[in-house]
Amino acid sequence: MSDKIFVIHQKDVFTVKEAAEYLTVCPKTLYHLIECGELKAAKIGSRYKLKAEDLICYINQKKEKNQHEKHQS
């Protein structure tokens, strides 16, 4: 009997729809975050693409901000 090895491919670049699903927000919210500069994105043609590392960075920034605000209250 042999062990099965499963390879999970991590996604490096997301569409707005995929990123919105990942962050559990609607695409409209994501467009707002991009347009106000809160979230980095590259516009390729008429569509935005978001790097996974930028999504993780955004999550970490929000987490730090929430922790900071929690300690001040």
N, C-alpha and C. Protein backbone atom coordinates (compact mmCIF):
# COMPACT_ATOMS: atom_id res chain seq x y z
N MET A 1 0.84 -1.17 0.00
CA MET A 1 0.00 0.00 0.00
C MET A 1 0.89 1.25 0.00
N SER A 2 0.63 2.17 -0.88
CA SER A 2 1.44 3.38 -0.92
C SER A 2 0.66 4.58 -0.40
N ASP A 3 1.40 5.49 0.20
CA ASP A 3 0.77 6.73 0.68
C ASP A 3 0.48 7.64 -0.50
N LYS A 4 -0.66 8.25 -0.48
CA LYS A 4 -1.00 9.21 -1.53
C LYS A 4 -0.52 10.59 -1.11
N ILE A 5 0.03 11.29 -2.04
CA ILE A 5 0.50 12.66 -1.78
C ILE A 5 -0.41 13.61 -2.53
N PHE A 6 -0.98 14.54 -1.79
CA PHE A 6 -1.86 15.53 -2.40
C PHE A 6 -1.10 16.84 -2.50
N VAL A 7 -1.14 17.42 -3.65
CA VAL A 7 -0.48 18.71 -3.87
C VAL A 7 -1.57 19.77 -3.98
N ILE A 8 -1.47 20.75 -3.13
CA ILE A 8 -2.42 21.86 -3.18
C ILE A 8 -1.70 23.04 -3.80
N HIS A 9 -2.23 23.53 -4.88
CA HIS A 9 -1.62 24.67 -5.55
C HIS A 9 -2.18 25.96 -4.96
N GLN A 10 -1.31 26.73 -4.39
CA GLN A 10 -1.73 28.00 -3.83
C GLN A 10 -1.87 29.00 -4.97
N LYS A 11 -2.91 29.75 -4.92
CA LYS A 11 -3.17 30.75 -5.95
C LYS A 11 -2.35 32.00 -5.63
N ASP A 12 -1.65 32.52 -6.64
CA ASP A 12 -0.83 33.71 -6.45
C ASP A 12 -1.55 35.00 -6.82
N VAL A 13 -2.47 34.91 -7.79
CA VAL A 13 -3.17 36.09 -8.28
C VAL A 13 -4.66 35.80 -8.30
N PHE A 14 -5.44 36.76 -7.80
CA PHE A 14 -6.88 36.61 -7.71
C PHE A 14 -7.59 37.64 -8.58
N THR A 15 -8.75 37.29 -9.08
CA THR A 15 -9.64 38.26 -9.70
C THR A 15 -10.38 38.96 -8.56
N VAL A 16 -11.10 40.01 -8.87
CA VAL A 16 -11.88 40.71 -7.84
C VAL A 16 -12.91 39.75 -7.22
N LYS A 17 -13.57 38.99 -8.05
CA LYS A 17 -14.58 38.05 -7.55
C LYS A 17 -13.96 37.02 -6.60
N GLU A 18 -12.82 36.45 -6.99
CA GLU A 18 -12.15 35.46 -6.15
C GLU A 18 -11.66 36.07 -4.85
N ALA A 19 -11.08 37.27 -4.94
CA ALA A 19 -10.58 37.95 -3.74
C ALA A 19 -11.73 38.30 -2.80
N ALA A 20 -12.85 38.73 -3.36
CA ALA A 20 -14.02 39.06 -2.54
C ALA A 20 -14.52 37.82 -1.81
N GLU A 21 -14.54 36.70 -2.50
CA GLU A 21 -14.95 35.44 -1.85
C GLU A 21 -13.97 35.07 -0.74
N TYR A 22 -12.69 35.23 -1.01
CA TYR A 22 -11.65 34.92 -0.02
C TYR A 22 -11.79 35.78 1.23
N LEU A 23 -12.09 37.08 1.04
CA LEU A 23 -12.23 38.01 2.16
C LEU A 23 -13.65 38.03 2.73
N THR A 24 -14.54 37.28 2.13
CA THR A 24 -15.96 37.23 2.49
C THR A 24 -16.61 38.62 2.50
N VAL A 25 -16.38 39.34 1.42
CA VAL A 25 -17.03 40.63 1.20
C VAL A 25 -17.60 40.61 -0.22
N CYS A 26 -18.45 41.56 -0.53
CA CYS A 26 -18.98 41.60 -1.90
C CYS A 26 -17.97 42.31 -2.81
N PRO A 27 -17.99 42.01 -4.09
CA PRO A 27 -17.05 42.63 -5.03
C PRO A 27 -17.10 44.16 -4.99
N LYS A 28 -18.28 44.73 -4.76
CA LYS A 28 -18.42 46.19 -4.69
C LYS A 28 -17.56 46.76 -3.56
N THR A 29 -17.54 46.08 -2.43
CA THR A 29 -16.70 46.50 -1.30
C THR A 29 -15.23 46.43 -1.69
N LEU A 30 -14.85 45.39 -2.39
CA LEU A 30 -13.46 45.23 -2.81
C LEU A 30 -13.05 46.34 -3.77
N TYR A 31 -13.93 46.67 -4.72
CA TYR A 31 -13.64 47.79 -5.64
C TYR A 31 -13.42 49.08 -4.85
N HIS A 32 -14.24 49.30 -3.83
CA HIS A 32 -14.09 50.50 -3.00
C HIS A 32 -12.73 50.50 -2.29
N LEU A 33 -12.33 49.37 -1.73
CA LEU A 33 -11.04 49.27 -1.04
C LEU A 33 -9.88 49.54 -2.00
N ILE A 34 -10.01 49.08 -3.23
CA ILE A 34 -8.97 49.30 -4.25
C ILE A 34 -8.92 50.76 -4.64
N GLU A 35 -10.09 51.35 -4.91
CA GLU A 35 -10.15 52.72 -5.39
C GLU A 35 -9.73 53.75 -4.35
N CYS A 36 -9.95 53.44 -3.07
CA CYS A 36 -9.53 54.38 -2.02
C CYS A 36 -8.09 54.11 -1.56
N GLY A 37 -7.44 53.10 -2.14
CA GLY A 37 -6.03 52.85 -1.85
C GLY A 37 -5.77 51.97 -0.64
N GLU A 38 -6.80 51.41 -0.05
CA GLU A 38 -6.61 50.54 1.12
C GLU A 38 -6.06 49.18 0.74
N LEU A 39 -6.33 48.77 -0.50
CA LEU A 39 -5.92 47.45 -0.96
C LEU A 39 -5.22 47.60 -2.30
N LYS A 40 -4.03 47.01 -2.40
CA LYS A 40 -3.26 47.09 -3.64
C LYS A 40 -3.86 46.18 -4.71
N ALA A 41 -3.86 46.67 -5.95
CA ALA A 41 -4.32 45.87 -7.07
C ALA A 41 -3.69 46.42 -8.34
N ALA A 42 -3.52 45.55 -9.32
CA ALA A 42 -3.02 45.96 -10.63
C ALA A 42 -4.17 45.91 -11.61
N LYS A 43 -4.30 46.96 -12.40
CA LYS A 43 -5.34 46.96 -13.42
C LYS A 43 -4.72 46.48 -14.71
N ILE A 44 -5.21 45.37 -15.20
CA ILE A 44 -4.72 44.79 -16.45
C ILE A 44 -5.88 44.83 -17.43
N GLY A 45 -5.74 45.67 -18.43
CA GLY A 45 -6.86 45.92 -19.32
C GLY A 45 -7.94 46.64 -18.55
N SER A 46 -9.12 46.07 -18.50
CA SER A 46 -10.21 46.70 -17.75
C SER A 46 -10.49 46.00 -16.42
N ARG A 47 -9.63 45.04 -16.07
CA ARG A 47 -9.87 44.25 -14.86
C ARG A 47 -8.74 44.37 -13.85
N TYR A 48 -9.12 44.32 -12.59
CA TYR A 48 -8.14 44.35 -11.52
C TYR A 48 -7.68 42.93 -11.19
N LYS A 49 -6.41 42.81 -10.84
CA LYS A 49 -5.84 41.55 -10.35
C LYS A 49 -5.18 41.86 -9.01
N LEU A 50 -5.34 40.95 -8.07
CA LEU A 50 -4.81 41.15 -6.73
C LEU A 50 -3.87 40.01 -6.38
N LYS A 51 -2.71 40.35 -5.83
CA LYS A 51 -1.75 39.33 -5.44
C LYS A 51 -2.13 38.77 -4.07
N ALA A 52 -1.94 37.48 -3.91
CA ALA A 52 -2.26 36.82 -2.64
C ALA A 52 -1.53 37.48 -1.48
N GLU A 53 -0.27 37.83 -1.69
CA GLU A 53 0.50 38.45 -0.60
C GLU A 53 -0.09 39.80 -0.19
N ASP A 54 -0.69 40.53 -1.13
CA ASP A 54 -1.33 41.80 -0.79
C ASP A 54 -2.61 41.59 0.00
N LEU A 55 -3.34 40.51 -0.30
CA LEU A 55 -4.54 40.19 0.47
C LEU A 55 -4.16 39.82 1.90
N ILE A 56 -3.11 39.04 2.05
CA ILE A 56 -2.64 38.64 3.38
C ILE A 56 -2.16 39.86 4.15
N CYS A 57 -1.44 40.75 3.48
CA CYS A 57 -0.96 41.98 4.11
C CYS A 57 -2.14 42.82 4.58
N TYR A 58 -3.17 42.95 3.76
CA TYR A 58 -4.36 43.71 4.12
C TYR A 58 -5.03 43.11 5.36
N ILE A 59 -5.16 41.79 5.39
CA ILE A 59 -5.76 41.12 6.54
C ILE A 59 -4.94 41.39 7.80
N ASN A 60 -3.63 41.28 7.70
CA ASN A 60 -2.76 41.52 8.85
C ASN A 60 -2.84 42.96 9.34
N GLN A 61 -2.92 43.92 8.41
CA GLN A 61 -3.06 45.32 8.80
C GLN A 61 -4.36 45.55 9.55
N LYS A 62 -5.44 44.96 9.06
CA LYS A 62 -6.74 45.09 9.73
C LYS A 62 -6.70 44.46 11.11
N LYS A 63 -6.05 43.31 11.21
CA LYS A 63 -5.93 42.61 12.48
C LYS A 63 -5.18 43.46 13.50
N GLU A 64 -4.04 44.04 13.07
CA GLU A 64 -3.25 44.90 13.95
C GLU A 64 -4.04 46.13 14.37
N LYS A 65 -4.76 46.73 13.43
CA LYS A 65 -5.56 47.92 13.74
C LYS A 65 -6.64 47.58 14.75
N ASN A 66 -7.31 46.45 14.57
CA ASN A 66 -8.36 46.03 15.50
C ASN A 66 -7.80 45.76 16.89
N GLN A 67 -6.62 45.14 16.96
CA GLN A 67 -6.00 44.86 18.25
C GLN A 67 -5.59 46.17 18.93
N HIS A 68 -5.07 47.11 18.16
CA HIS A 68 -4.66 48.40 18.70
C HIS A 68 -5.88 49.14 19.27
N GLU A 69 -6.97 49.16 18.51
CA GLU A 69 -8.19 49.84 18.96
C GLU A 69 -8.78 49.15 20.18
N LYS A 70 -8.65 47.83 20.25
CA LYS A 70 -9.18 47.08 21.39
C LYS A 70 -8.42 47.44 22.67
N HIS A 71 -7.10 47.62 22.56
CA HIS A 71 -6.28 47.95 23.72
C HIS A 71 -6.51 49.38 24.20
N GLN A 72 -6.95 50.26 23.30
CA GLN A 72 -7.17 51.66 23.67
C GLN A 72 -8.53 51.87 24.34
N SER A 73 -9.46 50.90 24.17
CA SER A 73 -10.78 51.10 24.76
C SER A 73 -10.85 50.64 26.19
